[in-house]
Amino acid sequence: MTEVAYISIGSNLNNPYQQVKSAIDKLKIADNIYIEAISDWYLSDPVGPKNQSRYVNGVIKISTRLSPNQLLKKLMIFYKQEAATAHTKGVDNVYQAYAEGVLGKY
């Protein structure tokens, strides 16, 4: 069965717009993940230390046949690859929302 999920993507380091575009490019070629829509991009102030750059944030609507846990594992691999080089963020909290929506609170 195909499920719909929403993924937040954001970055504030090393050309943030390029970082979110790179994340989308990886999702476009990922197995069992199909991009349905991409939101506009928004700038937001950082939370926490104020000596950070502003974030570029957006949301992607996908469809997938992956279970929430399979999707989380795949996205966390992307996140770790990106975070190692670009310090992107936005993955971890959204997948929890997806997993809760599909599986119920865990």
N, C-alpha and C. Protein backbone atom coordinates (compact mmCIF):
# COMPACT_ATOMS: atom_id res chain seq x y z
N MET A 1 0.84 -1.18 0.00
CA MET A 1 0.00 0.00 0.00
C MET A 1 0.89 1.25 0.00
N THR A 2 0.51 2.22 -0.78
CA THR A 2 1.27 3.47 -0.84
C THR A 2 0.78 4.43 0.24
N GLU A 3 1.73 5.01 0.95
CA GLU A 3 1.44 5.99 2.00
C GLU A 3 1.98 7.35 1.57
N VAL A 4 1.38 8.40 2.10
CA VAL A 4 1.86 9.76 1.88
C VAL A 4 2.61 10.20 3.13
N ALA A 5 3.73 10.87 2.93
CA ALA A 5 4.50 11.41 4.05
C ALA A 5 4.97 12.81 3.69
N TYR A 6 5.19 13.62 4.70
CA TYR A 6 5.70 14.97 4.53
C TYR A 6 7.05 15.05 5.23
N ILE A 7 8.02 15.57 4.52
CA ILE A 7 9.39 15.64 5.04
C ILE A 7 9.81 17.10 5.09
N SER A 8 10.24 17.54 6.26
CA SER A 8 10.79 18.90 6.35
C SER A 8 12.26 18.84 6.01
N ILE A 9 12.71 19.86 5.34
CA ILE A 9 14.13 19.97 5.00
C ILE A 9 14.57 21.39 5.31
N GLY A 10 15.73 21.51 5.94
CA GLY A 10 16.24 22.83 6.24
C GLY A 10 17.74 22.81 6.40
N SER A 11 18.34 23.95 6.16
CA SER A 11 19.78 24.09 6.32
C SER A 11 20.10 25.55 6.57
N ASN A 12 21.19 25.78 7.30
CA ASN A 12 21.64 27.16 7.48
C ASN A 12 23.16 27.32 7.28
N LEU A 13 23.81 26.31 6.73
CA LEU A 13 25.25 26.39 6.53
C LEU A 13 25.63 26.06 5.10
N ASN A 14 26.78 26.59 4.68
CA ASN A 14 27.38 26.22 3.39
C ASN A 14 26.41 26.33 2.22
N ASN A 15 25.89 27.53 1.96
CA ASN A 15 24.93 27.75 0.88
C ASN A 15 23.67 26.94 1.13
N PRO A 16 22.83 27.36 2.09
CA PRO A 16 21.67 26.57 2.51
C PRO A 16 20.74 26.16 1.37
N TYR A 17 20.49 27.05 0.42
CA TYR A 17 19.59 26.68 -0.67
C TYR A 17 20.16 25.50 -1.46
N GLN A 18 21.46 25.52 -1.70
CA GLN A 18 22.09 24.41 -2.42
C GLN A 18 22.00 23.12 -1.61
N GLN A 19 22.08 23.22 -0.29
CA GLN A 19 21.99 22.04 0.56
C GLN A 19 20.60 21.40 0.47
N VAL A 20 19.55 22.21 0.51
CA VAL A 20 18.20 21.63 0.43
C VAL A 20 17.93 21.09 -0.97
N LYS A 21 18.47 21.76 -1.98
CA LYS A 21 18.32 21.24 -3.35
C LYS A 21 19.03 19.89 -3.49
N SER A 22 20.20 19.76 -2.90
CA SER A 22 20.94 18.50 -2.94
C SER A 22 20.15 17.38 -2.24
N ALA A 23 19.52 17.71 -1.12
CA ALA A 23 18.70 16.71 -0.41
C ALA A 23 17.54 16.25 -1.29
N ILE A 24 16.90 17.17 -1.98
CA ILE A 24 15.80 16.81 -2.87
C ILE A 24 16.30 15.95 -4.03
N ASP A 25 17.45 16.31 -4.58
CA ASP A 25 18.02 15.51 -5.67
C ASP A 25 18.26 14.07 -5.24
N LYS A 26 18.72 13.86 -4.01
CA LYS A 26 18.92 12.50 -3.51
C LYS A 26 17.59 11.76 -3.38
N LEU A 27 16.56 12.46 -2.91
CA LEU A 27 15.25 11.82 -2.78
C LEU A 27 14.67 11.47 -4.14
N LYS A 28 14.94 12.28 -5.14
CA LYS A 28 14.41 12.02 -6.49
C LYS A 28 14.90 10.70 -7.06
N ILE A 29 16.10 10.28 -6.68
CA ILE A 29 16.65 9.04 -7.24
C ILE A 29 16.59 7.87 -6.26
N ALA A 30 16.01 8.10 -5.09
CA ALA A 30 15.92 7.04 -4.09
C ALA A 30 14.84 6.02 -4.48
N ASP A 31 15.13 4.76 -4.23
CA ASP A 31 14.14 3.71 -4.49
C ASP A 31 12.95 3.84 -3.55
N ASN A 32 11.77 3.65 -4.08
CA ASN A 32 10.53 3.61 -3.31
C ASN A 32 10.14 4.92 -2.64
N ILE A 33 10.71 6.03 -3.11
CA ILE A 33 10.31 7.35 -2.63
C ILE A 33 9.98 8.18 -3.87
N TYR A 34 8.76 8.70 -3.92
CA TYR A 34 8.29 9.44 -5.09
C TYR A 34 7.84 10.83 -4.65
N ILE A 35 8.50 11.85 -5.15
CA ILE A 35 8.18 13.22 -4.77
C ILE A 35 6.89 13.63 -5.48
N GLU A 36 5.92 14.06 -4.69
CA GLU A 36 4.62 14.51 -5.22
C GLU A 36 4.55 16.03 -5.32
N ALA A 37 5.17 16.73 -4.36
CA ALA A 37 5.12 18.20 -4.35
C ALA A 37 6.25 18.73 -3.48
N ILE A 38 6.68 19.95 -3.79
CA ILE A 38 7.71 20.64 -3.02
C ILE A 38 7.16 22.02 -2.68
N SER A 39 7.23 22.39 -1.42
CA SER A 39 6.73 23.70 -0.99
C SER A 39 7.65 24.81 -1.47
N ASP A 40 7.19 26.03 -1.28
CA ASP A 40 8.07 27.18 -1.44
C ASP A 40 9.12 27.11 -0.33
N TRP A 41 10.20 27.84 -0.49
CA TRP A 41 11.25 27.88 0.52
C TRP A 41 11.08 29.13 1.36
N TYR A 42 11.34 29.00 2.66
CA TYR A 42 11.16 30.09 3.60
C TYR A 42 12.43 30.28 4.41
N LEU A 43 12.71 31.53 4.73
CA LEU A 43 13.82 31.84 5.62
C LEU A 43 13.29 31.95 7.04
N SER A 44 14.02 31.39 7.99
CA SER A 44 13.61 31.52 9.39
C SER A 44 14.83 31.76 10.26
N ASP A 45 14.59 32.45 11.36
CA ASP A 45 15.67 32.72 12.31
C ASP A 45 16.00 31.45 13.08
N PRO A 46 17.25 31.28 13.47
CA PRO A 46 17.63 30.09 14.24
C PRO A 46 17.03 30.12 15.64
N VAL A 47 16.81 28.95 16.19
CA VAL A 47 16.38 28.81 17.57
C VAL A 47 17.62 28.43 18.36
N GLY A 48 17.80 29.02 19.50
CA GLY A 48 19.01 28.74 20.29
C GLY A 48 19.99 29.87 20.11
N PRO A 49 21.27 29.53 19.97
CA PRO A 49 22.28 30.58 19.83
C PRO A 49 21.95 31.51 18.65
N LYS A 50 22.03 32.78 18.88
CA LYS A 50 21.64 33.77 17.86
C LYS A 50 22.75 34.08 16.88
N ASN A 51 23.94 33.54 17.08
CA ASN A 51 25.06 33.82 16.19
C ASN A 51 25.12 32.82 15.03
N GLN A 52 23.94 32.35 14.59
CA GLN A 52 23.84 31.43 13.46
C GLN A 52 23.20 32.15 12.28
N SER A 53 23.42 31.62 11.10
CA SER A 53 22.76 32.14 9.91
C SER A 53 21.29 31.74 9.92
N ARG A 54 20.50 32.43 9.12
CA ARG A 54 19.08 32.06 8.97
C ARG A 54 18.97 30.74 8.22
N TYR A 55 17.88 30.03 8.47
CA TYR A 55 17.62 28.74 7.82
C TYR A 55 16.79 28.92 6.56
N VAL A 56 17.05 28.08 5.59
CA VAL A 56 16.15 27.87 4.46
C VAL A 56 15.36 26.62 4.80
N ASN A 57 14.04 26.72 4.82
CA ASN A 57 13.16 25.61 5.22
C ASN A 57 12.09 25.35 4.17
N GLY A 58 11.72 24.10 4.04
CA GLY A 58 10.63 23.73 3.16
C GLY A 58 10.11 22.35 3.52
N VAL A 59 9.08 21.93 2.80
CA VAL A 59 8.45 20.63 3.04
C VAL A 59 8.26 19.93 1.71
N ILE A 60 8.48 18.62 1.73
CA ILE A 60 8.29 17.80 0.54
C ILE A 60 7.18 16.79 0.83
N LYS A 61 6.24 16.67 -0.09
CA LYS A 61 5.22 15.62 0.00
C LYS A 61 5.70 14.46 -0.85
N ILE A 62 5.76 13.27 -0.23
CA ILE A 62 6.17 12.09 -0.98
C ILE A 62 5.11 11.01 -0.87
N SER A 63 5.20 10.06 -1.77
CA SER A 63 4.46 8.81 -1.61
C SER A 63 5.51 7.71 -1.56
N THR A 64 5.20 6.66 -0.81
CA THR A 64 6.15 5.58 -0.62
C THR A 64 5.45 4.29 -0.27
N ARG A 65 6.06 3.20 -0.62
CA ARG A 65 5.60 1.88 -0.20
C ARG A 65 6.40 1.39 1.00
N LEU A 66 7.36 2.18 1.44
CA LEU A 66 8.17 1.82 2.59
C LEU A 66 7.35 1.95 3.87
N SER A 67 7.64 1.10 4.84
CA SER A 67 7.03 1.26 6.16
C SER A 67 7.63 2.51 6.80
N PRO A 68 7.00 3.04 7.83
CA PRO A 68 7.59 4.20 8.51
C PRO A 68 9.02 3.93 8.99
N ASN A 69 9.27 2.75 9.53
CA ASN A 69 10.63 2.44 9.99
C ASN A 69 11.61 2.35 8.84
N GLN A 70 11.20 1.75 7.72
CA GLN A 70 12.09 1.67 6.55
C GLN A 70 12.39 3.06 6.01
N LEU A 71 11.34 3.89 5.94
CA LEU A 71 11.53 5.26 5.46
C LEU A 71 12.46 6.02 6.39
N LEU A 72 12.24 5.89 7.68
CA LEU A 72 13.10 6.58 8.64
C LEU A 72 14.55 6.15 8.46
N LYS A 73 14.79 4.86 8.34
CA LYS A 73 16.16 4.38 8.17
C LYS A 73 16.80 4.96 6.91
N LYS A 74 16.06 4.96 5.82
CA LYS A 74 16.60 5.49 4.56
C LYS A 74 16.89 6.99 4.67
N LEU A 75 15.96 7.72 5.26
CA LEU A 75 16.15 9.16 5.38
C LEU A 75 17.27 9.50 6.36
N MET A 76 17.42 8.71 7.40
CA MET A 76 18.50 8.96 8.35
C MET A 76 19.87 8.69 7.72
N ILE A 77 19.94 7.77 6.78
CA ILE A 77 21.19 7.56 6.05
C ILE A 77 21.53 8.82 5.27
N PHE A 78 20.52 9.37 4.55
CA PHE A 78 20.75 10.62 3.83
C PHE A 78 21.15 11.73 4.79
N TYR A 79 20.44 11.83 5.90
CA TYR A 79 20.71 12.87 6.89
C TYR A 79 22.14 12.79 7.39
N LYS A 80 22.59 11.59 7.73
CA LYS A 80 23.95 11.43 8.25
C LYS A 80 24.99 11.76 7.19
N GLN A 81 24.73 11.40 5.93
CA GLN A 81 25.65 11.74 4.85
C GLN A 81 25.73 13.25 4.68
N GLU A 82 24.58 13.91 4.68
CA GLU A 82 24.55 15.36 4.52
C GLU A 82 25.13 16.06 5.74
N ALA A 83 24.75 15.60 6.92
CA ALA A 83 25.21 16.25 8.15
C ALA A 83 26.72 16.17 8.30
N ALA A 84 27.30 15.12 7.78
CA ALA A 84 28.75 14.96 7.88
C ALA A 84 29.47 16.04 7.08
N THR A 85 28.81 16.56 6.05
CA THR A 85 29.47 17.54 5.20
C THR A 85 28.84 18.93 5.27
N ALA A 86 27.54 19.00 5.54
CA ALA A 86 26.87 20.29 5.40
C ALA A 86 26.07 20.72 6.62
N HIS A 87 25.93 19.88 7.60
CA HIS A 87 25.16 20.20 8.80
C HIS A 87 23.72 20.54 8.48
N THR A 88 23.09 19.79 7.59
CA THR A 88 21.68 20.00 7.31
C THR A 88 20.87 19.49 8.48
N LYS A 89 19.62 19.90 8.54
CA LYS A 89 18.77 19.47 9.64
C LYS A 89 17.37 19.31 9.13
N GLY A 90 16.51 18.80 9.96
CA GLY A 90 15.10 18.77 9.65
C GLY A 90 14.55 17.39 9.46
N VAL A 91 15.37 16.39 9.53
CA VAL A 91 14.87 15.06 9.23
C VAL A 91 14.24 14.40 10.44
N ASP A 92 14.93 14.38 11.57
CA ASP A 92 14.54 13.51 12.67
C ASP A 92 13.14 13.74 13.21
N ASN A 93 12.72 14.96 13.41
CA ASN A 93 11.42 15.18 14.05
C ASN A 93 10.25 14.91 13.11
N VAL A 94 10.41 15.07 11.83
CA VAL A 94 9.29 14.88 10.91
C VAL A 94 8.96 13.41 10.73
N TYR A 95 9.95 12.56 10.71
CA TYR A 95 9.67 11.15 10.54
C TYR A 95 8.92 10.59 11.72
N GLN A 96 9.18 11.13 12.88
CA GLN A 96 8.42 10.70 14.05
C GLN A 96 6.95 11.02 13.83
N ALA A 97 6.66 12.20 13.30
CA ALA A 97 5.27 12.56 13.03
C ALA A 97 4.66 11.60 12.01
N TYR A 98 5.41 11.23 10.99
CA TYR A 98 4.92 10.28 10.00
C TYR A 98 4.67 8.93 10.65
N ALA A 99 5.62 8.46 11.42
CA ALA A 99 5.47 7.15 12.06
C ALA A 99 4.28 7.15 13.01
N GLU A 100 4.08 8.21 13.75
CA GLU A 100 2.95 8.28 14.67
C GLU A 100 1.64 8.30 13.90
N GLY A 101 1.63 9.01 12.77
CA GLY A 101 0.41 9.09 11.98
C GLY A 101 0.01 7.75 11.39
N VAL A 102 0.98 6.94 11.01
CA VAL A 102 0.71 5.66 10.38
C VAL A 102 0.57 4.54 11.41
N LEU A 103 1.44 4.54 12.40
CA LEU A 103 1.48 3.43 13.36
C LEU A 103 0.74 3.72 14.65
N GLY A 104 0.40 4.96 14.90
CA GLY A 104 -0.10 5.34 16.21
C GLY A 104 1.08 5.70 17.09
N LYS A 105 0.83 6.33 18.19
CA LYS A 105 1.92 6.76 19.08
C LYS A 105 2.73 5.55 19.52
N TYR A 106 4.05 5.65 19.43
CA TYR A 106 4.90 4.53 19.83
C TYR A 106 5.80 4.94 20.97
